[in-house]
Amino acid sequence: MDGRRTHSSFVHVGSVSASGETLTCDCFRFWCYQSSHLVVSLSISYTQLIHSQKNFSKSTSLAPKTRARLLTALCEALQTLSSLLDSYNSDDNKGNSTEHHTQTQTGFASSQVVPQSFRDAFACHLYMLFSIMFFTESEAKGGHGLDAKGNNNKRTVESDRAEASRAACADCMMVATKAMAKNRAKLWQRSVPDEAVVILPCRIAFQILESATGVVARKACSADAAMAMIACTVGSCTSNTTNVVGSDNTSTSSTANNGLLGTIVAALMDLMHSYEHMAPLCAELCEMVPEQPTNQLAIELLREIGRLNTNGLGDNSRASGIRNVAPFLHLLATKRPRIVLNNIAHLMPHLNSEVYNLRSSIATAIAVILSSEEGLKEGNNNDGLRMEREDGASHEIGDAAKTRNALLDLLAERVLDVSSFTRGAVLKAWIQIVQSRALPVDRFIPVTLMAIDRLQDKTIMARRQAMQVGKSR
């Protein structure tokens, strides 16, 4: 061979009988390493592909073995494309001494963006996997994928098969997500990604998270992989924006990354409004996002919560969405107290909101901050903290003691909240502060008097919590 290597990979999916017609899916043909340029061409009959995707949504249209072969072929093809993209990235960093070897072995020219044919093939495979996962999740959500009238053994086998299939698809999508995150500069000009392609893993991840209502369901629908996809995409947005600072393309790349991040934040807020199990998952997702340079996902979510309009809700049924969002605040404070502290100014207006769940969650978050080693616990070195104001600017917290006293004063005021549930939550917050030994010495007597006063509360729940405050010392 004169420096050229031709490799052909051909996958024959098989024949399917649908409505008396034989459907043959000869898919995923690509040629690699040809004349020193990577040319990846996808050979798919457009009519057959549309027919196949439509029939894939019907559980009886494809035989189980054929359906499994289709998924296996698609996942293997997408993983191959992802590995080629990763190898190109690693080969490009070897230096000029191996530039000719790089061109010969991978077909990519050094310091060049991958050919359009590769991007098209990668995007096409990614969209096909997204479509199949979308149909699979729709079946699982609607209960069409299980034979409800069959025997238990049959349902168990089908459930295990579906769970394994969903896990394989989620792992493959995760591989593609990591490849796009690491190789944006190689996939797209000026490192400006095609949002329609990059957002595909997140779109299917959002649908997966809708079904993760418990521990068993979370494992069955591969929710951990779904959160990893979102975290990887968000992390790449922040890192790519930082890497291009100082170049001529900073404005374009930053705009694209901000638009992608805004789409993800809006989708997560909508999910938290709609599903009560989403608040813990979103808090865990924020913990998975890299902290350096900033945890932009957590910051943007706190800003969006601060912008929520709670006027006129009260006990209205429309407040159910706000009630679902409220637990996110204290859950995030438990995992990332410093971030909540730096952005707590966005939440302060909600202390006067009509939804008591939101007021209670803010009080609990303040208690977590005051009692956390990473927050404002008494005796810790908290110099150098920065707090963001409501106008978006930030300023240095020169004296952490002043901030600590201000938050303690807020909790003292909230003990007289109009809602007995919030009063109980605030008293629980005081219990947590006292038990964690985060209460300053000069606050012992005022807190004791406050607890004695709350023993006269009209609700038994608040009286019980007031007694616990006195016993906690």
Protein backbone atom coordinates (compact mmCIF):
# COMPACT_ATOMS: atom_id res chain seq x y z
CA MET A 1 0.00 0.00 0.00
CA ASP A 2 1.38 3.43 -0.93
CA GLY A 3 0.50 5.20 2.27
CA ARG A 4 -3.20 4.66 1.67
CA ARG A 5 -5.31 2.29 3.65
CA THR A 6 -8.88 1.56 2.79
CA HIS A 7 -11.08 0.06 5.45
CA SER A 8 -14.68 -0.82 4.79
CA SER A 9 -17.16 -1.67 7.50
CA PHE A 10 -20.59 -2.91 6.50
CA VAL A 11 -23.42 -3.85 8.81
CA HIS A 12 -26.42 -5.75 7.53
CA VAL A 13 -29.31 -5.21 9.93
CA GLY A 14 -31.64 -7.78 8.47
CA SER A 15 -35.05 -8.28 6.98
CA VAL A 16 -38.26 -7.26 8.67
CA SER A 17 -41.76 -8.25 7.69
CA ALA A 18 -44.12 -5.26 8.07
CA SER A 19 -47.61 -5.18 6.49
CA GLY A 20 -46.71 -7.90 4.03
CA GLU A 21 -43.66 -6.09 2.77
CA THR A 22 -40.05 -7.03 3.34
CA LEU A 23 -38.02 -4.16 4.75
CA THR A 24 -34.28 -4.56 4.44
CA CYS A 25 -32.20 -2.12 6.44
CA ASP A 26 -28.69 -2.02 5.04
CA CYS A 27 -27.28 0.70 7.23
CA PHE A 28 -24.17 2.35 8.52
CA ARG A 29 -21.65 1.91 5.70
CA PHE A 30 -18.63 4.09 6.05
CA TRP A 31 -15.16 4.16 4.54
CA CYS A 32 -12.20 5.37 6.58
CA TYR A 33 -8.55 6.22 5.93
CA GLN A 34 -8.86 7.03 2.22
CA SER A 35 -6.35 9.21 0.35
CA SER A 36 -5.04 10.90 3.54
CA HIS A 37 -8.45 12.36 4.37
CA LEU A 38 -11.07 10.76 6.57
CA VAL A 39 -14.22 10.32 4.51
CA VAL A 40 -17.13 8.91 6.42
CA SER A 41 -20.20 8.38 4.28
CA LEU A 42 -23.47 7.03 5.60
CA SER A 43 -25.30 4.78 3.13
CA ILE A 44 -28.94 4.72 4.16
CA SER A 45 -32.06 4.55 2.06
CA TYR A 46 -34.03 7.65 3.10
CA THR A 47 -37.39 6.01 2.56
CA GLN A 48 -36.40 2.89 4.47
CA LEU A 49 -34.97 4.98 7.33
CA ILE A 50 -38.19 6.95 7.76
CA HIS A 51 -40.22 3.74 7.55
CA SER A 52 -37.91 2.07 10.07
CA GLN A 53 -38.09 4.95 12.55
CA LYS A 54 -41.88 5.06 12.31
CA ASN A 55 -42.13 1.34 12.86
CA PHE A 56 -39.63 1.45 15.71
CA SER A 57 -42.18 3.32 17.78
CA LYS A 58 -44.52 0.33 17.57
CA SER A 59 -43.46 -2.51 19.79
CA THR A 60 -44.75 -5.18 17.39
CA SER A 61 -43.28 -3.76 14.17
CA LEU A 62 -39.73 -5.11 14.64
CA ALA A 63 -38.74 -8.52 15.87
CA PRO A 64 -36.84 -8.33 19.18
CA LYS A 65 -33.65 -9.78 17.67
CA THR A 66 -33.77 -7.41 14.71
CA ARG A 67 -34.40 -4.49 17.00
CA ALA A 68 -31.43 -5.50 19.17
CA ARG A 69 -29.20 -5.84 16.08
CA LEU A 70 -30.25 -2.39 14.89
CA LEU A 71 -29.37 -0.84 18.24
CA THR A 72 -26.07 -2.74 18.45
CA ALA A 73 -25.03 -1.67 14.95
CA LEU A 74 -25.94 1.95 15.59
CA CYS A 75 -24.14 2.10 18.94
CA GLU A 76 -21.01 0.47 17.52
CA ALA A 77 -20.95 2.88 14.59
CA LEU A 78 -21.35 5.95 16.83
CA GLN A 79 -18.70 4.71 19.25
CA THR A 80 -16.32 4.18 16.32
CA LEU A 81 -16.88 7.72 15.11
CA SER A 82 -16.31 9.03 18.64
CA SER A 83 -13.07 7.09 19.01
CA LEU A 84 -11.84 8.42 15.65
CA LEU A 85 -12.58 11.92 16.82
CA ASP A 86 -10.69 11.34 20.09
CA SER A 87 -7.70 9.84 18.29
CA TYR A 88 -7.54 12.85 16.01
CA ASN A 89 -7.44 15.10 19.05
CA SER A 90 -4.61 13.12 20.65
CA ASP A 91 -2.62 12.79 17.44
CA ASP A 92 -2.83 16.54 16.87
CA ASN A 93 -0.90 17.18 20.09
CA LYS A 94 2.11 15.04 19.21
CA GLY A 95 3.99 17.83 17.45
CA ASN A 96 5.34 18.48 13.98
CA SER A 97 7.63 15.44 14.01
CA THR A 98 4.67 13.11 13.66
CA GLU A 99 2.49 15.30 11.45
CA HIS A 100 3.02 13.16 8.35
CA HIS A 101 2.42 9.99 10.37
CA THR A 102 -0.78 11.54 11.73
CA GLN A 103 -2.07 12.32 8.26
CA THR A 104 -1.22 8.82 7.06
CA GLN A 105 -2.74 6.89 9.93
CA THR A 106 -5.89 8.93 10.66
CA GLY A 107 -6.49 10.77 7.42
CA PHE A 108 -6.83 14.13 9.24
CA ALA A 109 -4.53 17.00 8.46
CA SER A 110 -3.02 18.59 11.54
CA SER A 111 -4.57 21.85 12.81
CA GLN A 112 -7.63 21.42 10.61
CA VAL A 113 -11.30 20.92 11.37
CA VAL A 114 -12.69 17.51 10.47
CA PRO A 115 -14.28 17.22 7.00
CA GLN A 116 -17.92 18.07 6.52
CA SER A 117 -18.62 14.43 5.61
CA PHE A 118 -17.45 13.35 9.07
CA ARG A 119 -19.62 15.93 10.80
CA ASP A 120 -22.62 14.89 8.74
CA ALA A 121 -22.10 11.21 9.53
CA PHE A 122 -21.58 11.91 13.23
CA ALA A 123 -24.69 14.10 13.45
CA CYS A 124 -26.77 11.57 11.49
CA HIS A 125 -25.78 8.66 13.74
CA LEU A 126 -26.39 10.81 16.82
CA TYR A 127 -29.85 11.84 15.64
CA MET A 128 -30.80 8.26 14.78
CA LEU A 129 -29.78 7.11 18.27
CA PHE A 130 -31.72 10.03 19.75
CA SER A 131 -34.82 9.06 17.75
CA ILE A 132 -34.65 5.44 18.87
CA MET A 133 -34.13 6.43 22.50
CA PHE A 134 -37.03 8.87 22.21
CA PHE A 135 -39.35 6.12 21.00
CA THR A 136 -38.07 3.76 23.71
CA GLU A 137 -38.67 6.30 26.47
CA SER A 138 -42.13 7.07 25.09
CA GLU A 139 -42.98 3.36 25.20
CA ALA A 140 -41.67 3.02 28.75
CA LYS A 141 -43.51 6.13 29.92
CA GLY A 142 -46.78 5.06 28.32
CA GLY A 143 -46.46 1.46 29.46
CA HIS A 144 -46.71 0.12 25.91
CA GLY A 145 -43.42 -1.70 26.13
CA LEU A 146 -44.71 -4.15 28.74
CA ASP A 147 -47.28 -6.85 28.30
CA ALA A 148 -49.55 -6.01 31.21
CA LYS A 149 -51.74 -9.04 30.58
CA GLY A 150 -48.90 -11.54 30.32
CA ASN A 151 -47.46 -13.71 33.03
CA ASN A 152 -44.93 -12.37 35.49
CA ASN A 153 -41.98 -14.29 34.01
CA LYS A 154 -42.60 -12.83 30.57
CA ARG A 155 -42.91 -9.32 31.95
CA THR A 156 -39.67 -9.78 33.90
CA VAL A 157 -37.75 -10.95 30.82
CA GLU A 158 -39.09 -8.08 28.73
CA SER A 159 -38.34 -5.58 31.48
CA ASP A 160 -34.76 -6.82 31.84
CA ARG A 161 -34.28 -6.70 28.08
CA ALA A 162 -35.64 -3.16 27.88
CA GLU A 163 -33.48 -2.02 30.80
CA ALA A 164 -30.34 -3.47 29.19
CA SER A 165 -31.21 -1.82 25.88
CA ARG A 166 -31.79 1.57 27.49
CA ALA A 167 -28.51 1.28 29.42
CA ALA A 168 -26.56 0.44 26.25
CA CYS A 169 -28.07 3.40 24.39
CA ALA A 170 -27.41 5.75 27.31
CA ASP A 171 -23.76 4.63 27.55
CA CYS A 172 -23.27 5.15 23.82
CA MET A 173 -24.86 8.59 23.98
CA MET A 174 -22.55 9.42 26.88
CA VAL A 175 -19.51 8.45 24.80
CA ALA A 176 -20.67 10.74 22.00
CA THR A 177 -21.33 13.57 24.46
CA LYS A 178 -17.80 13.35 25.86
CA ALA A 179 -16.35 13.26 22.35
CA MET A 180 -18.21 16.43 21.37
CA ALA A 181 -17.22 18.16 24.62
CA LYS A 182 -13.50 17.40 24.21
CA ASN A 183 -13.25 18.06 20.48
CA ARG A 184 -15.35 21.12 19.76
CA ALA A 185 -12.45 22.89 18.11
CA LYS A 186 -12.00 19.91 15.77
CA LEU A 187 -15.67 19.46 14.98
CA TRP A 188 -16.73 23.05 14.32
CA GLN A 189 -15.09 26.17 12.99
CA ARG A 190 -14.04 28.71 15.65
CA SER A 191 -15.19 26.24 18.34
CA VAL A 192 -18.76 27.44 17.79
CA PRO A 193 -20.89 24.29 18.14
CA ASP A 194 -24.02 23.41 16.24
CA GLU A 195 -26.54 23.76 19.06
CA ALA A 196 -29.04 21.48 17.32
CA VAL A 197 -26.48 18.63 17.50
CA VAL A 198 -24.92 19.34 20.89
CA ILE A 199 -28.30 19.59 22.62
CA LEU A 200 -29.50 16.14 21.44
CA PRO A 201 -27.97 14.20 24.39
CA CYS A 202 -29.46 16.73 26.81
CA ARG A 203 -32.90 16.45 25.19
CA ILE A 204 -33.03 12.72 25.67
CA ALA A 205 -31.53 13.12 29.17
CA PHE A 206 -34.42 15.40 30.14
CA GLN A 207 -36.90 12.77 29.00
CA ILE A 208 -35.05 10.08 30.95
CA LEU A 209 -35.08 12.16 34.13
CA GLU A 210 -38.86 12.51 33.90
CA SER A 211 -39.12 8.78 34.63
CA ALA A 212 -36.55 8.69 37.47
CA THR A 213 -39.16 8.88 40.22
CA GLY A 214 -37.42 6.58 42.68
CA VAL A 215 -34.34 4.47 43.34
CA VAL A 216 -35.55 1.53 41.25
CA ALA A 217 -36.83 3.70 38.42
CA ARG A 218 -33.62 5.74 38.46
CA LYS A 219 -31.55 2.63 37.86
CA ALA A 220 -33.93 1.22 35.26
CA CYS A 221 -33.96 4.35 33.12
CA SER A 222 -30.20 5.08 33.44
CA ALA A 223 -30.74 8.43 35.13
CA ASP A 224 -27.11 8.60 36.31
CA ALA A 225 -25.91 8.49 32.70
CA ALA A 226 -28.48 11.12 31.77
CA MET A 227 -27.21 13.51 34.45
CA ALA A 228 -23.64 12.83 33.34
CA MET A 229 -24.58 13.89 29.78
CA ILE A 230 -25.99 17.19 31.00
CA ALA A 231 -23.04 17.84 33.33
CA CYS A 232 -20.56 17.09 30.55
CA THR A 233 -22.33 19.46 28.15
CA VAL A 234 -22.53 22.26 30.73
CA GLY A 235 -18.88 21.75 31.69
CA SER A 236 -17.81 22.04 28.07
CA CYS A 237 -19.74 25.32 27.73
CA THR A 238 -17.81 26.90 30.60
CA SER A 239 -14.40 25.46 29.69
CA ASN A 240 -14.61 26.39 26.01
CA THR A 241 -15.64 29.95 26.86
CA THR A 242 -12.62 30.24 29.15
CA ASN A 243 -10.19 28.77 26.63
CA VAL A 244 -11.02 31.24 23.87
CA VAL A 245 -10.65 34.35 26.03
CA GLY A 246 -8.36 36.81 24.29
CA SER A 247 -9.00 35.51 20.79
CA ASP A 248 -10.99 37.16 18.04
CA ASN A 249 -13.71 34.55 18.38
CA THR A 250 -14.48 35.16 22.06
CA SER A 251 -17.75 36.97 21.39
CA THR A 252 -19.11 34.36 18.97
CA SER A 253 -18.15 31.37 21.11
CA SER A 254 -19.44 32.97 24.32
CA THR A 255 -22.77 33.79 22.69
CA ALA A 256 -23.19 30.21 21.46
CA ASN A 257 -22.24 28.73 24.85
CA ASN A 258 -24.54 31.11 26.72
CA GLY A 259 -27.40 30.20 24.41
CA LEU A 260 -26.82 26.49 24.99
CA LEU A 261 -26.58 26.97 28.75
CA GLY A 262 -29.76 29.06 28.74
CA THR A 263 -31.61 26.27 26.94
CA ILE A 264 -30.47 23.71 29.52
CA VAL A 265 -31.38 25.95 32.47
CA ALA A 266 -34.84 26.66 31.03
CA ALA A 267 -35.47 22.94 30.53
CA LEU A 268 -34.37 22.07 34.08
CA MET A 269 -36.56 24.80 35.55
CA ASP A 270 -39.54 23.47 33.60
CA LEU A 271 -38.82 19.94 34.85
CA MET A 272 -38.61 21.13 38.47
CA HIS A 273 -41.92 22.93 38.07
CA SER A 274 -43.60 19.83 36.65
CA TYR A 275 -42.14 16.96 38.72
CA GLU A 276 -41.59 16.88 42.46
CA HIS A 277 -38.73 14.37 42.20
CA MET A 278 -36.61 16.70 40.05
CA ALA A 279 -35.33 19.05 42.79
CA PRO A 280 -32.96 16.46 44.35
CA LEU A 281 -31.77 15.39 40.89
CA CYS A 282 -31.02 18.99 39.87
CA ALA A 283 -29.10 19.58 43.10
CA GLU A 284 -27.07 16.45 42.44
CA LEU A 285 -26.53 17.59 38.87
CA CYS A 286 -25.11 20.91 40.07
CA GLU A 287 -22.70 18.95 42.27
CA MET A 288 -21.48 17.04 39.19
CA VAL A 289 -20.67 20.20 37.22
CA PRO A 290 -17.01 21.30 37.60
CA GLU A 291 -16.46 24.15 40.05
CA GLN A 292 -13.70 25.80 38.02
CA PRO A 293 -13.88 28.48 36.91
CA THR A 294 -17.47 28.74 38.20
CA ASN A 295 -20.42 26.44 38.61
CA GLN A 296 -22.45 28.34 36.05
CA LEU A 297 -25.37 25.90 36.09
CA ALA A 298 -26.02 26.35 39.82
CA ILE A 299 -25.67 30.13 39.54
CA GLU A 300 -28.09 30.38 36.64
CA LEU A 301 -30.64 28.16 38.38
CA LEU A 302 -30.49 30.34 41.50
CA ARG A 303 -30.98 33.43 39.35
CA GLU A 304 -34.00 31.89 37.64
CA ILE A 305 -35.52 30.97 41.00
CA GLY A 306 -34.93 34.52 42.16
CA ARG A 307 -36.90 35.79 39.13
CA LEU A 308 -39.93 33.62 39.88
CA ASN A 309 -43.13 35.62 40.23
CA THR A 310 -45.01 34.43 43.31
CA ASN A 311 -47.45 37.33 43.60
CA GLY A 312 -51.07 36.26 43.98
CA LEU A 313 -50.31 32.57 44.37
CA GLY A 314 -50.70 31.88 48.09
CA ASP A 315 -52.58 28.61 48.51
CA ASN A 316 -53.61 28.60 44.87
CA SER A 317 -53.17 25.37 42.96
CA ARG A 318 -50.83 27.22 40.58
CA ALA A 319 -48.30 27.37 43.41
CA SER A 320 -47.65 23.62 43.11
CA GLY A 321 -44.81 24.30 40.67
CA ILE A 322 -43.16 26.68 43.14
CA ARG A 323 -43.53 24.07 45.87
CA ASN A 324 -41.68 21.57 43.68
CA VAL A 325 -38.84 24.05 43.08
CA ALA A 326 -38.43 25.10 46.74
CA PRO A 327 -36.54 21.99 48.02
CA PHE A 328 -33.79 22.65 45.48
CA LEU A 329 -32.53 25.60 47.55
CA HIS A 330 -31.68 23.78 50.76
CA LEU A 331 -30.54 20.66 48.87
CA LEU A 332 -28.09 22.74 46.85
CA ALA A 333 -26.96 24.51 50.04
CA THR A 334 -26.19 21.11 51.54
CA LYS A 335 -23.98 20.17 48.58
CA ARG A 336 -22.57 23.58 47.59
CA PRO A 337 -23.07 26.06 50.50
CA ARG A 338 -20.52 28.53 49.15
CA ILE A 339 -22.40 28.96 45.86
CA VAL A 340 -25.72 29.59 47.61
CA LEU A 341 -24.05 32.07 49.97
CA ASN A 342 -22.47 34.01 47.10
CA ASN A 343 -25.83 34.27 45.31
CA ILE A 344 -28.20 34.51 48.26
CA ALA A 345 -29.13 38.09 47.36
CA HIS A 346 -31.25 36.69 44.52
CA LEU A 347 -33.34 34.74 47.04
CA MET A 348 -33.92 37.42 49.68
CA PRO A 349 -37.06 38.92 48.02
CA HIS A 350 -38.76 35.52 48.32
CA LEU A 351 -38.72 35.78 52.11
CA ASN A 352 -41.81 37.93 51.61
CA SER A 353 -43.42 35.66 49.02
CA GLU A 354 -46.87 34.18 49.53
CA VAL A 355 -45.68 30.58 49.10
CA TYR A 356 -44.62 29.33 52.51
CA ASN A 357 -42.63 26.42 51.03
CA LEU A 358 -40.22 28.86 49.44
CA ARG A 359 -39.76 30.82 52.68
CA SER A 360 -39.18 27.61 54.62
CA SER A 361 -36.60 26.34 52.12
CA ILE A 362 -34.66 29.63 52.23
CA ALA A 363 -34.59 29.48 56.05
CA THR A 364 -33.29 25.90 55.92
CA ALA A 365 -30.66 26.90 53.35
CA ILE A 366 -29.46 29.72 55.60
CA ALA A 367 -29.13 27.28 58.50
CA VAL A 368 -27.08 24.92 56.33
CA ILE A 369 -24.79 27.79 55.31
CA LEU A 370 -24.29 28.92 58.89
CA SER A 371 -23.56 25.41 60.16
CA SER A 372 -21.44 24.20 57.25
CA GLU A 373 -17.65 24.00 57.31
CA GLU A 374 -17.60 25.53 53.81
CA GLY A 375 -20.08 28.24 54.73
CA LEU A 376 -20.08 30.71 57.62
CA LYS A 377 -19.66 28.41 60.59
CA GLU A 378 -18.39 30.17 63.70
CA GLY A 379 -14.61 29.95 63.99
CA ASN A 380 -13.90 29.21 60.31
CA ASN A 381 -11.68 31.38 58.17
CA ASN A 382 -14.17 32.86 55.73
CA ASP A 383 -12.14 35.79 54.45
CA GLY A 384 -12.16 36.28 50.73
CA LEU A 385 -15.80 35.34 50.20
CA ARG A 386 -17.66 37.15 47.44
CA MET A 387 -21.38 37.88 47.48
CA GLU A 388 -23.35 38.75 44.37
CA ARG A 389 -25.75 41.67 44.58
CA GLU A 390 -29.20 41.79 43.01
CA ASP A 391 -27.93 43.92 40.10
CA GLY A 392 -25.52 41.15 39.07
CA ALA A 393 -22.34 42.79 40.40
CA SER A 394 -20.28 41.17 43.15
CA HIS A 395 -18.38 42.53 46.10
CA GLU A 396 -15.94 41.19 48.64
CA ILE A 397 -17.23 40.09 52.02
CA GLY A 398 -14.61 41.76 54.13
CA ASP A 399 -16.01 40.72 57.48
CA ALA A 400 -17.66 37.30 57.56
CA ALA A 401 -18.98 38.01 61.05
CA LYS A 402 -21.21 40.79 59.72
CA THR A 403 -22.68 38.47 57.11
CA ARG A 404 -23.19 35.76 59.73
CA ASN A 405 -24.98 38.19 62.05
CA ALA A 406 -27.18 39.45 59.23
CA LEU A 407 -28.31 35.92 58.38
CA LEU A 408 -28.94 35.13 62.05
CA ASP A 409 -31.08 38.26 62.33
CA LEU A 410 -33.11 37.09 59.31
CA LEU A 411 -33.79 33.76 61.01
CA ALA A 412 -34.80 35.55 64.21
CA GLU A 413 -37.35 37.59 62.26
CA ARG A 414 -38.75 34.53 60.46
CA VAL A 415 -39.65 32.90 63.79
CA LEU A 416 -42.72 35.16 63.72
CA ASP A 417 -43.75 34.10 60.21
CA VAL A 418 -47.46 34.06 59.45
CA SER A 419 -47.34 30.38 58.47
CA SER A 420 -47.00 27.79 61.18
CA PHE A 421 -45.11 25.52 58.75
CA THR A 422 -42.48 28.20 58.17
CA ARG A 423 -42.23 28.92 61.89
CA GLY A 424 -41.60 25.23 62.47
CA ALA A 425 -38.98 25.15 59.69
CA VAL A 426 -37.20 28.19 61.14
CA LEU A 427 -37.12 26.63 64.60
CA LYS A 428 -35.67 23.47 63.06
CA ALA A 429 -33.04 25.69 61.45
CA TRP A 430 -32.13 27.07 64.87
CA ILE A 431 -31.87 23.50 66.21
CA GLN A 432 -29.43 22.64 63.42
CA ILE A 433 -27.31 25.73 64.12
CA VAL A 434 -27.16 25.00 67.84
CA GLN A 435 -26.39 21.31 67.43
CA SER A 436 -23.59 22.03 64.96
CA ARG A 437 -22.03 24.43 67.48
CA ALA A 438 -22.25 27.28 64.98
CA LEU A 439 -24.13 29.68 67.27
CA PRO A 440 -22.02 32.62 68.52
CA VAL A 441 -21.73 32.93 72.29
CA ASP A 442 -23.42 36.32 72.38
CA ARG A 443 -26.52 34.72 70.79
CA PHE A 444 -27.15 32.12 73.48
CA ILE A 445 -29.42 34.22 75.67
CA PRO A 446 -31.44 35.80 72.80
CA VAL A 447 -32.04 32.40 71.21
CA THR A 448 -33.11 30.93 74.56
CA LEU A 449 -35.59 33.76 75.10
CA MET A 450 -36.87 33.30 71.58
CA ALA A 451 -37.47 29.59 72.21
CA ILE A 452 -39.30 30.36 75.47
CA ASP A 453 -41.52 32.84 73.66
CA ARG A 454 -42.37 30.28 70.95
CA LEU A 455 -43.56 27.86 73.62
CA GLN A 456 -46.70 30.02 73.55
CA ASP A 457 -47.23 29.41 69.82
CA LYS A 458 -50.78 28.47 68.85
CA THR A 459 -49.68 25.37 66.89
CA ILE A 460 -48.32 22.26 68.55
CA MET A 461 -45.75 21.76 65.78
CA ALA A 462 -44.02 25.07 66.55
CA ARG A 463 -44.18 24.45 70.30
CA ARG A 464 -42.48 21.08 69.94
CA GLN A 465 -39.67 22.60 67.85
CA ALA A 466 -39.25 25.41 70.41
CA MET A 467 -38.76 22.81 73.15
CA GLN A 468 -36.09 21.11 71.04
CA VAL A 469 -34.23 24.40 70.65
CA GLY A 470 -33.90 24.64 74.44
CA LYS A 471 -32.83 21.01 74.77
CA SER A 472 -30.23 21.27 71.96
CA ARG A 473 -27.93 23.38 74.11
